[in-house]
Structure formats: C-alpha cells, structure tokens
Amino acid sequence: MVNIGDIIDSLTSHAYRSTYHRVIHRGDKYRVSIPFFFEPPRDMTITPIPKMATAEAVKPFVYFDHLKVSWPCGAELIARA
C-alpha cells in the first residue's frame, strides 16, 4: 500500500490526491506495519510539475511553512529539530 501525501498532491496539481493516514486493525491476528516517510529539505520550494499544472494548480510554497501549518501542535518541536 502506498499513501500519497500532501507534497505529491501539490506536485501533481491534485492529480494524485493526498490521503488521510490511519490504521484501523480489526483482525485477530498480529499485524506488522513498517511506515517509511520521505521529506524534502525544509527550505525547498514546492512547485507543481509544469506538465501537470492546471488552472487550479497549487501556488508554490516552502515545505517547512507547510509542515508548521499541517502539524501546529508540533511546530515548536519541529523548529528545534
């Protein structure tokens, strides 16, 4: 399974939509999940891929600014890391 995150959503002008990340395990058997997260450099400007840009394309933004807004409860911890 691959969950598409906000950055891929923005790069593709919403052609690949970001998903809500959650796990709800309702089975009786043991389950192992190994998440892997990839993040761009904090100072990177995220701009839609030119061939995928549409009239509704996301305006360019700095990744770290997006991170602080997306995770406001952890913004102070993120800033110190």
Protein backbone atom coordinates (compact mmCIF):
# COMPACT_ATOMS: atom_id res chain seq x y z
CA MET A 1 0.00 0.00 0.00
CA VAL A 2 1.22 3.49 -0.79
CA ASN A 3 -0.37 6.51 0.82
CA ILE A 4 0.06 9.66 -1.21
CA GLY A 5 0.96 12.65 0.91
CA ASP A 6 0.41 16.39 0.63
CA ILE A 7 3.61 17.04 -1.32
CA ILE A 8 2.78 14.57 -4.13
CA ASP A 9 -0.74 16.05 -4.18
CA SER A 10 0.75 19.54 -4.64
CA LEU A 11 3.39 18.48 -7.19
CA THR A 12 0.73 16.86 -9.38
CA SER A 13 -1.85 19.67 -9.09
CA HIS A 14 -4.20 17.25 -7.29
CA ALA A 15 -4.00 14.53 -9.99
CA TYR A 16 -2.86 12.22 -7.15
CA ARG A 17 -4.83 13.18 -4.05
CA SER A 18 -3.42 13.14 -0.55
CA THR A 19 -4.99 10.51 1.71
CA TYR A 20 -5.84 10.60 5.39
CA HIS A 21 -3.23 8.38 7.06
CA ARG A 22 -4.69 5.96 9.60
CA VAL A 23 -4.64 2.30 10.58
CA ILE A 24 -7.67 0.52 11.98
CA HIS A 25 -6.82 -3.08 12.80
CA ARG A 26 -9.90 -5.17 13.43
CA GLY A 27 -8.46 -8.64 12.94
CA ASP A 28 -7.48 -11.27 15.48
CA LYS A 29 -4.04 -11.91 14.01
CA TYR A 30 -0.87 -9.99 14.78
CA ARG A 31 -0.13 -7.28 12.24
CA VAL A 32 3.16 -5.59 11.41
CA SER A 33 3.31 -2.24 9.66
CA ILE A 34 6.55 -0.55 8.66
CA PRO A 35 5.95 3.04 7.59
CA PHE A 36 8.51 4.93 5.56
CA PHE A 37 8.35 8.69 5.22
CA PHE A 38 10.33 10.76 2.76
CA GLU A 39 10.53 14.51 3.17
CA PRO A 40 12.13 17.17 1.00
CA PRO A 41 14.62 19.64 2.51
CA ARG A 42 12.86 22.15 4.78
CA ASP A 43 13.82 25.14 2.65
CA MET A 44 12.65 23.56 -0.62
CA THR A 45 10.02 25.42 -2.60
CA ILE A 46 7.32 23.01 -3.72
CA THR A 47 6.05 23.90 -7.21
CA PRO A 48 3.64 21.88 -9.35
CA ILE A 49 5.27 19.80 -12.10
CA PRO A 50 4.95 22.01 -15.22
CA LYS A 51 3.37 19.31 -17.42
CA MET A 52 0.77 18.63 -14.71
CA ALA A 53 -0.03 22.25 -13.80
CA THR A 54 -3.66 23.25 -14.22
CA ALA A 55 -5.67 26.43 -13.68
CA GLU A 56 -6.32 25.14 -10.14
CA ALA A 57 -2.63 24.38 -9.55
CA VAL A 58 -1.25 24.88 -6.07
CA LYS A 59 0.74 28.07 -5.63
CA PRO A 60 4.42 27.42 -4.83
CA PHE A 61 5.21 27.17 -1.10
CA VAL A 62 8.17 26.44 1.16
CA TYR A 63 7.97 22.93 2.59
CA PHE A 64 8.77 23.96 6.18
CA ASP A 65 5.97 26.56 6.17
CA HIS A 66 3.55 23.83 5.11
CA LEU A 67 4.87 21.50 7.81
CA LYS A 68 4.33 24.08 10.56
CA VAL A 69 0.73 24.64 9.45
CA SER A 70 0.00 20.93 8.98
CA TRP A 71 1.32 19.97 12.41
CA PRO A 72 0.68 23.04 14.61
CA CYS A 73 0.93 21.06 17.87
CA GLY A 74 4.47 20.02 16.97
CA ALA A 75 5.64 23.25 15.33
CA GLU A 76 7.93 24.17 18.23
CA LEU A 77 9.50 20.70 18.31
CA ILE A 78 9.86 20.68 14.53
CA ALA A 79 11.58 24.08 14.60
CA ARG A 80 14.17 22.83 17.12
CA ALA A 81 14.96 19.59 15.25
